[in-house]
Amino acid sequence: MNNRSVPTNLLPHLVYRSVPDACEWLRRVCGFTEHYRYGQLVSGIQMHLGAAYIMLTGPRPGTDSPANLGYGTQTLTVIVADVDADFDKAKREGAIIWEELHETVYGERQYGLEDMDGHRWLFSQHARDVDPKEWRATIVAQVS
């Protein structure tokens, strides 16, 4: 079954102090597109960058923004078509870059940034196919 309200298999909910401000920042700096928003006070906004979807929400009992906590708890990786152009745009927009653009041993070209509330992001582009054995990974289950 298809659900137009949740058009993805994974939808991380990211907590921000200001959902509308986060939406604008992610649109301007990272290129996300707004899918929908709900609530008169904008309690949630779903956005996407290609096939990668996220839900922006405000603090609720048991959740908070990394900006309020003083630390983050995860890094989100988004695969993009042109990581070099995205990196240049993020730098022009003044994003905090915590990992410079580089190619990894596992064949990705990527960089890391921190958003306005302290969430960490990796933006990555497939650069080359690398057998996981080359970087000493153990394949536990084949992906089809």
C-alpha atoms as a PDB file:
ATOM      1  CA  MET A   1       0.000   0.000   0.000  1.00  0.00           C
ATOM      2  CA  ASN A   2       1.152   3.531  -0.766  1.00  0.00           C
ATOM      3  CA  ASN A   3       0.588   6.407   1.701  1.00  0.00           C
ATOM      4  CA  ARG A   4       1.007   9.944   0.358  1.00  0.00           C
ATOM      5  CA  SER A   5       1.359  11.254   3.931  1.00  0.00           C
ATOM      6  CA  VAL A   6       4.378   9.034   4.656  1.00  0.00           C
ATOM      7  CA  PRO A   7       6.052   8.321   1.278  1.00  0.00           C
ATOM      8  CA  THR A   8       9.151   6.631   2.689  1.00  0.00           C
ATOM      9  CA  ASN A   9      10.262   3.588   4.692  1.00  0.00           C
ATOM     10  CA  LEU A  10      12.173   5.618   7.299  1.00  0.00           C
ATOM     11  CA  LEU A  11      11.105   9.030   8.624  1.00  0.00           C
ATOM     12  CA  PRO A  12      13.409  10.427  11.323  1.00  0.00           C
ATOM     13  CA  HIS A  13      11.794  13.063  13.553  1.00  0.00           C
ATOM     14  CA  LEU A  14      14.246  15.867  14.335  1.00  0.00           C
ATOM     15  CA  VAL A  15      13.518  18.206  17.238  1.00  0.00           C
ATOM     16  CA  TYR A  16      14.109  21.936  16.703  1.00  0.00           C
ATOM     17  CA  ARG A  17      13.509  24.966  18.928  1.00  0.00           C
ATOM     18  CA  SER A  18      11.728  26.673  15.998  1.00  0.00           C
ATOM     19  CA  VAL A  19      10.243  24.387  13.360  1.00  0.00           C
ATOM     20  CA  PRO A  20       9.616  27.205  10.804  1.00  0.00           C
ATOM     21  CA  ASP A  21      13.174  28.564  11.221  1.00  0.00           C
ATOM     22  CA  ALA A  22      14.632  25.064  10.813  1.00  0.00           C
ATOM     23  CA  CYS A  23      12.556  24.555   7.664  1.00  0.00           C
ATOM     24  CA  GLU A  24      13.895  27.770   6.149  1.00  0.00           C
ATOM     25  CA  TRP A  25      17.511  26.929   7.127  1.00  0.00           C
ATOM     26  CA  LEU A  26      17.356  23.395   5.679  1.00  0.00           C
ATOM     27  CA  ARG A  27      15.771  24.737   2.481  1.00  0.00           C
ATOM     28  CA  ARG A  28      18.296  27.536   2.036  1.00  0.00           C
ATOM     29  CA  VAL A  29      21.493  25.771   3.119  1.00  0.00           C
ATOM     30  CA  CYS A  30      20.886  22.104   2.247  1.00  0.00           C
ATOM     31  CA  GLY A  31      18.313  22.225  -0.543  1.00  0.00           C
ATOM     32  CA  PHE A  32      15.469  20.400   1.238  1.00  0.00           C
ATOM     33  CA  THR A  33      11.929  20.886  -0.118  1.00  0.00           C
ATOM     34  CA  GLU A  34       8.882  21.186   2.106  1.00  0.00           C
ATOM     35  CA  HIS A  35       6.379  18.348   1.594  1.00  0.00           C
ATOM     36  CA  TYR A  36       3.702  19.455   4.097  1.00  0.00           C
ATOM     37  CA  ARG A  37       3.194  21.208   7.422  1.00  0.00           C
ATOM     38  CA  TYR A  38       0.547  20.716  10.063  1.00  0.00           C
ATOM     39  CA  GLY A  39      -0.791  22.505  13.115  1.00  0.00           C
ATOM     40  CA  GLN A  40      -1.770  26.157  13.428  1.00  0.00           C
ATOM     41  CA  LEU A  41       1.419  26.804  15.382  1.00  0.00           C
ATOM     42  CA  VAL A  42       3.370  24.638  12.925  1.00  0.00           C
ATOM     43  CA  SER A  43       3.991  21.644  15.140  1.00  0.00           C
ATOM     44  CA  GLY A  44       5.515  19.631  12.321  1.00  0.00           C
ATOM     45  CA  ILE A  45       6.941  20.008   8.833  1.00  0.00           C
ATOM     46  CA  GLN A  46       7.834  17.101   6.579  1.00  0.00           C
ATOM     47  CA  MET A  47      10.654  17.828   4.132  1.00  0.00           C
ATOM     48  CA  HIS A  48      12.643  15.860   1.590  1.00  0.00           C
ATOM     49  CA  LEU A  49      15.834  16.013  -0.416  1.00  0.00           C
ATOM     50  CA  GLY A  50      15.290  13.610  -3.276  1.00  0.00           C
ATOM     51  CA  ALA A  51      14.038  10.381  -1.714  1.00  0.00           C
ATOM     52  CA  ALA A  52      15.339  11.249   1.788  1.00  0.00           C
ATOM     53  CA  TYR A  53      12.481  12.392   4.050  1.00  0.00           C
ATOM     54  CA  ILE A  54      12.600  14.006   7.501  1.00  0.00           C
ATOM     55  CA  MET A  55      10.004  15.342   9.937  1.00  0.00           C
ATOM     56  CA  LEU A  56      10.773  18.535  11.855  1.00  0.00           C
ATOM     57  CA  THR A  57       9.057  18.764  15.243  1.00  0.00           C
ATOM     58  CA  GLY A  58       9.217  20.970  18.311  1.00  0.00           C
ATOM     59  CA  PRO A  59      10.268  19.795  21.782  1.00  0.00           C
ATOM     60  CA  ARG A  60       7.861  17.421  23.546  1.00  0.00           C
ATOM     61  CA  PRO A  61       8.067  15.503  26.821  1.00  0.00           C
ATOM     62  CA  GLY A  62      11.064  13.199  26.538  1.00  0.00           C
ATOM     63  CA  THR A  63      12.561  14.958  23.496  1.00  0.00           C
ATOM     64  CA  ASP A  64      14.608  18.093  22.971  1.00  0.00           C
ATOM     65  CA  SER A  65      16.820  19.871  20.492  1.00  0.00           C
ATOM     66  CA  PRO A  66      20.589  19.297  20.577  1.00  0.00           C
ATOM     67  CA  ALA A  67      20.859  23.080  21.080  1.00  0.00           C
ATOM     68  CA  ASN A  68      18.977  22.769  24.388  1.00  0.00           C
ATOM     69  CA  LEU A  69      20.672  19.510  25.408  1.00  0.00           C
ATOM     70  CA  GLY A  70      24.176  20.757  24.631  1.00  0.00           C
ATOM     71  CA  TYR A  71      24.968  17.708  22.487  1.00  0.00           C
ATOM     72  CA  GLY A  72      23.619  15.639  19.607  1.00  0.00           C
ATOM     73  CA  THR A  73      22.881  11.938  19.589  1.00  0.00           C
ATOM     74  CA  GLN A  74      23.070  10.944  15.916  1.00  0.00           C
ATOM     75  CA  THR A  75      24.308  11.881  12.461  1.00  0.00           C
ATOM     76  CA  LEU A  76      22.019  11.699   9.435  1.00  0.00           C
ATOM     77  CA  THR A  77      23.518  10.729   6.069  1.00  0.00           C
ATOM     78  CA  VAL A  78      21.872  11.958   2.873  1.00  0.00           C
ATOM     79  CA  ILE A  79      22.983  10.747  -0.568  1.00  0.00           C
ATOM     80  CA  VAL A  80      23.046  13.620  -3.070  1.00  0.00           C
ATOM     81  CA  ALA A  81      23.712  13.957  -6.803  1.00  0.00           C
ATOM     82  CA  ASP A  82      26.449  16.637  -6.633  1.00  0.00           C
ATOM     83  CA  VAL A  83      28.191  16.741  -3.273  1.00  0.00           C
ATOM     84  CA  ASP A  84      30.789  19.266  -4.478  1.00  0.00           C
ATOM     85  CA  ALA A  85      28.116  21.827  -5.399  1.00  0.00           C
ATOM     86  CA  ASP A  86      26.244  21.150  -2.150  1.00  0.00           C
ATOM     87  CA  PHE A  87      29.437  21.625  -0.135  1.00  0.00           C
ATOM     88  CA  ASP A  88      30.174  24.935  -1.877  1.00  0.00           C
ATOM     89  CA  LYS A  89      26.617  26.143  -1.211  1.00  0.00           C
ATOM     90  CA  ALA A  90      26.727  25.140   2.468  1.00  0.00           C
ATOM     91  CA  LYS A  91      29.999  27.024   2.941  1.00  0.00           C
ATOM     92  CA  ARG A  92      28.637  30.111   1.143  1.00  0.00           C
ATOM     93  CA  GLU A  93      25.590  30.042   3.431  1.00  0.00           C
ATOM     94  CA  GLY A  94      27.826  29.968   6.522  1.00  0.00           C
ATOM     95  CA  ALA A  95      27.102  26.414   7.703  1.00  0.00           C
ATOM     96  CA  ILE A  96      29.331  24.960  10.400  1.00  0.00           C
ATOM     97  CA  ILE A  97      31.448  22.357   8.596  1.00  0.00           C
ATOM     98  CA  TRP A  98      32.677  19.673  11.003  1.00  0.00           C
ATOM     99  CA  GLU A  99      34.085  17.374   8.317  1.00  0.00           C
ATOM    100  CA  GLU A 100      35.673  18.763   5.161  1.00  0.00           C
ATOM    101  CA  LEU A 101      34.820  17.332   1.752  1.00  0.00           C
ATOM    102  CA  HIS A 102      36.874  14.180   1.083  1.00  0.00           C
ATOM    103  CA  GLU A 103      36.705  10.682  -0.387  1.00  0.00           C
ATOM    104  CA  THR A 104      36.331   7.801   2.055  1.00  0.00           C
ATOM    105  CA  VAL A 105      37.978   4.371   1.939  1.00  0.00           C
ATOM    106  CA  TYR A 106      34.554   2.876   1.208  1.00  0.00           C
ATOM    107  CA  GLY A 107      34.037   4.914  -1.980  1.00  0.00           C
ATOM    108  CA  GLU A 108      31.933   7.882  -0.866  1.00  0.00           C
ATOM    109  CA  ARG A 109      32.726  11.549  -1.415  1.00  0.00           C
ATOM    110  CA  GLN A 110      31.273  13.367   1.581  1.00  0.00           C
ATOM    111  CA  TYR A 111      31.322  16.260   4.024  1.00  0.00           C
ATOM    112  CA  GLY A 112      29.673  16.937   7.367  1.00  0.00           C
ATOM    113  CA  LEU A 113      27.819  19.977   8.617  1.00  0.00           C
ATOM    114  CA  GLU A 114      26.016  21.002  11.772  1.00  0.00           C
ATOM    115  CA  ASP A 115      22.659  22.702  11.392  1.00  0.00           C
ATOM    116  CA  MET A 116      21.253  25.676  13.294  1.00  0.00           C
ATOM    117  CA  ASP A 117      20.188  23.516  16.261  1.00  0.00           C
ATOM    118  CA  GLY A 118      23.217  21.234  16.412  1.00  0.00           C
ATOM    119  CA  HIS A 119      21.984  18.232  14.409  1.00  0.00           C
ATOM    120  CA  ARG A 120      24.877  16.653  12.499  1.00  0.00           C
ATOM    121  CA  TRP A 121      24.549  15.741   8.846  1.00  0.00           C
ATOM    122  CA  LEU A 122      26.741  13.910   6.330  1.00  0.00           C
ATOM    123  CA  PHE A 123      26.087  14.695   2.671  1.00  0.00           C
ATOM    124  CA  SER A 124      27.533  12.007   0.450  1.00  0.00           C
ATOM    125  CA  GLN A 125      27.840  11.019  -3.193  1.00  0.00           C
ATOM    126  CA  HIS A 126      28.789   7.575  -4.474  1.00  0.00           C
ATOM    127  CA  ALA A 127      32.253   8.066  -6.004  1.00  0.00           C
ATOM    128  CA  ARG A 128      33.289   4.483  -6.784  1.00  0.00           C
ATOM    129  CA  ASP A 129      32.291   0.915  -6.042  1.00  0.00           C
ATOM    130  CA  VAL A 130      34.531  -0.621  -3.377  1.00  0.00           C
ATOM    131  CA  ASP A 131      34.400  -4.226  -2.204  1.00  0.00           C
ATOM    132  CA  PRO A 132      33.809  -4.022   1.574  1.00  0.00           C
ATOM    133  CA  LYS A 133      36.653  -6.521   2.063  1.00  0.00           C
ATOM    134  CA  GLU A 134      39.074  -3.832   0.785  1.00  0.00           C
ATOM    135  CA  TRP A 135      38.445  -1.758   3.914  1.00  0.00           C
ATOM    136  CA  ARG A 136      38.209  -4.822   6.176  1.00  0.00           C
ATOM    137  CA  ALA A 137      34.435  -4.923   6.600  1.00  0.00           C
ATOM    138  CA  THR A 138      32.678  -8.202   7.228  1.00  0.00           C
ATOM    139  CA  ILE A 139      29.518  -8.757   5.231  1.00  0.00           C
ATOM    140  CA  VAL A 140      26.963 -10.319   7.559  1.00  0.00           C
ATOM    141  CA  ALA A 141      24.037 -10.436   5.123  1.00  0.00           C
ATOM    142  CA  GLN A 142      23.860  -9.709   1.412  1.00  0.00           C
ATOM    143  CA  VAL A 143      21.685  -6.780   0.346  1.00  0.00           C
ATOM    144  CA  SER A 144      19.506  -7.513  -2.641  1.00  0.00           C
END
